[in-house]
Amino acid sequence: MANIIEIECPECHASLWVDADTRVIVQHKKIKKTNTASFDDLLLKEKVKKEKVEERFSMARELEQAKKKKAEEIFNKSLGQE
């Protein structure tokens, strides 16, 4: 009885079926590339990603400013009560 192992190439994702006993390649199958995104599509995706990062950074900055303002108000209020 043959002991056949399927191995996938991590780089090209081709499949090899190898007989583990005889160490002979029984069958191989190349995978066709399906990801054929154009350069313009990739640029657009990167632009959208950059805009999202900038938006998150802006929101975080506004939140930090609001926290700082509230902390200053609490500090000033506590100084006025003493």
C-alpha atoms as a PDB file:
ATOM      1  CA  MET A   1       0.000   0.000   0.000  1.00  0.00           C
ATOM      2  CA  ALA A   2       1.443   3.342  -1.055  1.00  0.00           C
ATOM      3  CA  ASN A   3       1.861   6.070   1.530  1.00  0.00           C
ATOM      4  CA  ILE A   4       1.210   9.248  -0.488  1.00  0.00           C
ATOM      5  CA  ILE A   5       1.753  12.687   1.011  1.00  0.00           C
ATOM      6  CA  GLU A   6       0.519  15.955  -0.471  1.00  0.00           C
ATOM      7  CA  ILE A   7       2.933  18.873  -0.128  1.00  0.00           C
ATOM      8  CA  GLU A   8       2.169  22.495  -1.006  1.00  0.00           C
ATOM      9  CA  CYS A   9       4.925  24.903  -1.995  1.00  0.00           C
ATOM     10  CA  PRO A  10       4.748  27.937   0.316  1.00  0.00           C
ATOM     11  CA  GLU A  11       5.975  30.261  -2.425  1.00  0.00           C
ATOM     12  CA  CYS A  12       4.082  29.285  -5.586  1.00  0.00           C
ATOM     13  CA  HIS A  13       1.349  27.168  -3.934  1.00  0.00           C
ATOM     14  CA  ALA A  14       1.879  24.286  -6.347  1.00  0.00           C
ATOM     15  CA  SER A  15       0.915  20.847  -5.040  1.00  0.00           C
ATOM     16  CA  LEU A  16       3.127  17.757  -5.108  1.00  0.00           C
ATOM     17  CA  TRP A  17       1.981  14.245  -4.294  1.00  0.00           C
ATOM     18  CA  VAL A  18       4.932  12.180  -3.119  1.00  0.00           C
ATOM     19  CA  ASP A  19       5.110   8.463  -2.367  1.00  0.00           C
ATOM     20  CA  ALA A  20       6.711   8.491   1.075  1.00  0.00           C
ATOM     21  CA  ASP A  21       8.026   4.930   0.751  1.00  0.00           C
ATOM     22  CA  THR A  22       9.801   5.315  -2.592  1.00  0.00           C
ATOM     23  CA  ARG A  23      10.256   9.109  -2.385  1.00  0.00           C
ATOM     24  CA  VAL A  24       8.998   9.510  -5.937  1.00  0.00           C
ATOM     25  CA  ILE A  25       6.771  12.344  -7.114  1.00  0.00           C
ATOM     26  CA  VAL A  26       3.525  10.730  -8.189  1.00  0.00           C
ATOM     27  CA  GLN A  27       1.713  13.827  -9.396  1.00  0.00           C
ATOM     28  CA  HIS A  28       2.130  17.603  -9.458  1.00  0.00           C
ATOM     29  CA  LYS A  29      -0.285  20.459 -10.043  1.00  0.00           C
ATOM     30  CA  LYS A  30       0.545  24.086 -10.716  1.00  0.00           C
ATOM     31  CA  ILE A  31      -1.820  26.720  -9.384  1.00  0.00           C
ATOM     32  CA  LYS A  32      -2.861  29.480 -11.759  1.00  0.00           C
ATOM     33  CA  LYS A  33      -2.609  33.000 -10.427  1.00  0.00           C
ATOM     34  CA  THR A  34      -6.039  34.508  -9.930  1.00  0.00           C
ATOM     35  CA  ASN A  35      -4.941  37.763  -8.316  1.00  0.00           C
ATOM     36  CA  THR A  36      -4.243  39.976 -11.322  1.00  0.00           C
ATOM     37  CA  ALA A  37      -4.925  43.368  -9.787  1.00  0.00           C
ATOM     38  CA  SER A  38      -3.736  46.267 -11.868  1.00  0.00           C
ATOM     39  CA  PHE A  39      -1.228  48.800 -10.639  1.00  0.00           C
ATOM     40  CA  ASP A  40      -3.942  51.469 -10.553  1.00  0.00           C
ATOM     41  CA  ASP A  41      -6.099  49.258  -8.315  1.00  0.00           C
ATOM     42  CA  LEU A  42      -3.202  48.759  -5.934  1.00  0.00           C
ATOM     43  CA  LEU A  43      -2.507  52.491  -5.820  1.00  0.00           C
ATOM     44  CA  LEU A  44      -6.162  53.176  -5.075  1.00  0.00           C
ATOM     45  CA  LYS A  45      -6.173  50.628  -2.237  1.00  0.00           C
ATOM     46  CA  GLU A  46      -3.060  52.194  -0.726  1.00  0.00           C
ATOM     47  CA  LYS A  47      -4.582  55.683  -1.009  1.00  0.00           C
ATOM     48  CA  VAL A  48      -7.746  54.538   0.790  1.00  0.00           C
ATOM     49  CA  LYS A  49      -5.664  52.809   3.456  1.00  0.00           C
ATOM     50  CA  LYS A  50      -3.598  55.974   3.964  1.00  0.00           C
ATOM     51  CA  GLU A  51      -6.741  58.098   4.291  1.00  0.00           C
ATOM     52  CA  LYS A  52      -8.159  55.727   6.918  1.00  0.00           C
ATOM     53  CA  VAL A  53      -4.922  55.857   8.912  1.00  0.00           C
ATOM     54  CA  GLU A  54      -4.878  59.649   8.768  1.00  0.00           C
ATOM     55  CA  GLU A  55      -8.518  59.769   9.874  1.00  0.00           C
ATOM     56  CA  ARG A  56      -7.833  57.468  12.838  1.00  0.00           C
ATOM     57  CA  PHE A  57      -4.782  59.528  13.784  1.00  0.00           C
ATOM     58  CA  SER A  58      -6.838  62.724  13.657  1.00  0.00           C
ATOM     59  CA  MET A  59      -9.553  61.184  15.831  1.00  0.00           C
ATOM     60  CA  ALA A  60      -6.976  59.981  18.358  1.00  0.00           C
ATOM     61  CA  ARG A  61      -5.376  63.425  18.464  1.00  0.00           C
ATOM     62  CA  GLU A  62      -8.759  65.096  19.094  1.00  0.00           C
ATOM     63  CA  LEU A  63      -9.510  62.591  21.852  1.00  0.00           C
ATOM     64  CA  GLU A  64      -6.163  63.279  23.529  1.00  0.00           C
ATOM     65  CA  GLN A  65      -6.771  67.033  23.340  1.00  0.00           C
ATOM     66  CA  ALA A  66     -10.208  66.585  24.928  1.00  0.00           C
ATOM     67  CA  LYS A  67      -8.698  64.468  27.707  1.00  0.00           C
ATOM     68  CA  LYS A  68      -5.996  67.078  28.313  1.00  0.00           C
ATOM     69  CA  LYS A  69      -8.568  69.882  28.456  1.00  0.00           C
ATOM     70  CA  LYS A  70     -10.743  67.950  30.912  1.00  0.00           C
ATOM     71  CA  ALA A  71      -7.715  67.129  33.089  1.00  0.00           C
ATOM     72  CA  GLU A  72      -6.719  70.807  33.130  1.00  0.00           C
ATOM     73  CA  GLU A  73     -10.268  71.796  34.119  1.00  0.00           C
ATOM     74  CA  ILE A  74     -10.283  69.272  36.961  1.00  0.00           C
ATOM     75  CA  PHE A  75      -6.841  70.444  38.077  1.00  0.00           C
ATOM     76  CA  ASN A  76      -7.831  74.121  38.011  1.00  0.00           C
ATOM     77  CA  LYS A  77     -11.078  73.331  39.822  1.00  0.00           C
ATOM     78  CA  SER A  78      -9.213  71.478  42.557  1.00  0.00           C
ATOM     79  CA  LEU A  79      -6.766  74.361  42.976  1.00  0.00           C
ATOM     80  CA  GLY A  80      -9.622  76.820  43.341  1.00  0.00           C
ATOM     81  CA  GLN A  81     -11.290  74.763  46.098  1.00  0.00           C
ATOM     82  CA  GLU A  82      -8.203  74.545  48.340  1.00  0.00           C
END
